[in-house]
Amino acid sequence: MSYFVVIRERTPAWNEILQITGQEKFEEHSNFMNRLIEEGFLILGGPMEEGRRILMVVDAEDENQIRERISDDPWSIAGLLEIVSIWRWNIMIGSLEKKGI
């Protein structure tokens, strides 16, 4: 397995009036993300500075596995978020394990 950085972005279906917790299917999305963490697929994740983009660090075999797993996210199904980029991440300095992650 390898680490990848995945960037997802809000789509026009996102309700800009509502907070993140008020979005359609928030609870289902949250439960899905928690399962990915429990399975060891999702390592880190959360909205970036302006909140339009979400950064995720995942442990996956390849880009296809990432796209397949994320396609099951209720927010992917509802069209609220889409993947805009995926990069393999070679950690050369430091370690996620040393941080207790």
Protein backbone atom coordinates (compact mmCIF):
# COMPACT_ATOMS: atom_id res chain seq x y z
CA MET A 1 0.00 0.00 0.00
CA SER A 2 1.00 3.63 -0.51
CA TYR A 3 -0.08 6.99 0.79
CA PHE A 4 -2.01 9.28 -1.53
CA VAL A 5 -3.22 12.86 -1.15
CA VAL A 6 -6.74 13.29 -2.48
CA ILE A 7 -8.38 16.66 -3.05
CA ARG A 8 -12.16 16.78 -3.25
CA GLU A 9 -14.14 19.89 -4.03
CA ARG A 10 -17.69 21.09 -3.44
CA THR A 11 -19.95 20.98 -6.47
CA PRO A 12 -22.83 23.34 -7.34
CA ALA A 13 -25.12 20.89 -5.48
CA TRP A 14 -23.54 22.03 -2.18
CA ASN A 15 -25.92 24.32 -0.26
CA GLU A 16 -23.75 27.37 0.51
CA ILE A 17 -26.32 28.67 2.99
CA LEU A 18 -25.91 25.66 5.29
CA GLN A 19 -22.97 24.74 7.50
CA ILE A 20 -21.16 21.48 6.76
CA THR A 21 -23.21 19.62 9.39
CA GLY A 22 -26.45 20.81 7.76
CA GLN A 23 -25.65 19.43 4.32
CA GLU A 24 -27.80 16.66 2.85
CA LYS A 25 -26.81 13.22 4.16
CA PHE A 26 -24.24 14.64 6.61
CA GLU A 27 -24.72 11.85 9.16
CA GLU A 28 -24.39 9.14 6.49
CA HIS A 29 -21.27 10.83 5.12
CA SER A 30 -19.78 11.11 8.61
CA ASN A 31 -20.46 7.43 9.32
CA PHE A 32 -18.91 6.46 5.99
CA MET A 33 -15.74 8.47 6.72
CA ASN A 34 -15.48 6.94 10.20
CA ARG A 35 -15.66 3.45 8.64
CA LEU A 36 -12.84 4.36 6.24
CA ILE A 37 -10.74 5.42 9.25
CA GLU A 38 -11.54 2.21 11.14
CA GLU A 39 -10.53 0.17 8.07
CA GLY A 40 -7.21 2.01 7.83
CA PHE A 41 -7.98 3.44 4.38
CA LEU A 42 -8.46 7.06 5.47
CA ILE A 43 -5.54 8.37 7.52
CA LEU A 44 -6.33 12.10 7.74
CA GLY A 45 -9.01 14.34 6.30
CA GLY A 46 -10.80 17.62 6.56
CA PRO A 47 -11.71 20.90 4.89
CA MET A 48 -8.89 23.18 3.81
CA GLU A 49 -8.70 26.88 4.64
CA GLU A 50 -11.60 28.27 2.62
CA GLY A 51 -13.72 25.12 3.08
CA ARG A 52 -14.40 24.57 -0.63
CA ARG A 53 -11.78 21.85 -0.87
CA ILE A 54 -11.24 18.82 1.30
CA LEU A 55 -7.85 17.19 1.72
CA MET A 56 -7.61 13.50 2.47
CA VAL A 57 -4.59 11.27 3.06
CA VAL A 58 -5.39 7.67 2.24
CA ASP A 59 -3.51 4.37 2.28
CA ALA A 60 -4.39 2.63 -0.97
CA GLU A 61 -3.02 0.36 -3.67
CA ASP A 62 -3.68 2.76 -6.54
CA GLU A 63 -5.84 5.56 -7.89
CA ASN A 64 -8.53 3.14 -9.06
CA GLN A 65 -9.02 1.79 -5.54
CA ILE A 66 -9.36 5.36 -4.25
CA ARG A 67 -11.96 6.33 -6.84
CA GLU A 68 -13.91 3.12 -6.19
CA ARG A 69 -13.97 3.57 -2.41
CA ILE A 70 -14.84 7.28 -2.53
CA SER A 71 -17.63 6.66 -5.04
CA ASP A 72 -19.56 4.95 -2.21
CA ASP A 73 -19.51 8.10 -0.06
CA PRO A 74 -23.08 9.41 0.33
CA TRP A 75 -21.78 12.88 -0.58
CA SER A 76 -20.32 11.48 -3.82
CA ILE A 77 -23.60 9.74 -4.59
CA ALA A 78 -25.57 12.94 -3.81
CA GLY A 79 -23.19 14.93 -6.03
CA LEU A 80 -21.99 17.24 -3.23
CA LEU A 81 -18.27 16.48 -3.57
CA GLU A 82 -16.08 15.36 -6.45
CA ILE A 83 -12.46 14.27 -6.65
CA VAL A 84 -10.38 16.91 -8.42
CA SER A 85 -6.92 15.42 -7.93
CA ILE A 86 -5.03 12.43 -6.59
CA TRP A 87 -1.27 12.33 -5.98
CA ARG A 88 0.94 9.53 -4.68
CA TRP A 89 2.73 10.88 -1.60
CA ASN A 90 6.20 9.65 -0.73
CA ILE A 91 6.90 10.71 2.83
CA MET A 92 10.60 11.50 3.04
CA ILE A 93 10.79 13.53 6.24
CA GLY A 94 9.04 12.49 9.42
CA SER A 95 6.51 9.74 9.86
CA LEU A 96 2.80 9.45 10.44
CA GLU A 97 3.54 6.55 12.77
CA LYS A 98 5.72 8.75 15.00
CA LYS A 99 2.74 11.08 15.46
CA GLY A 100 0.60 8.19 16.67
CA ILE A 101 -1.43 8.13 13.48
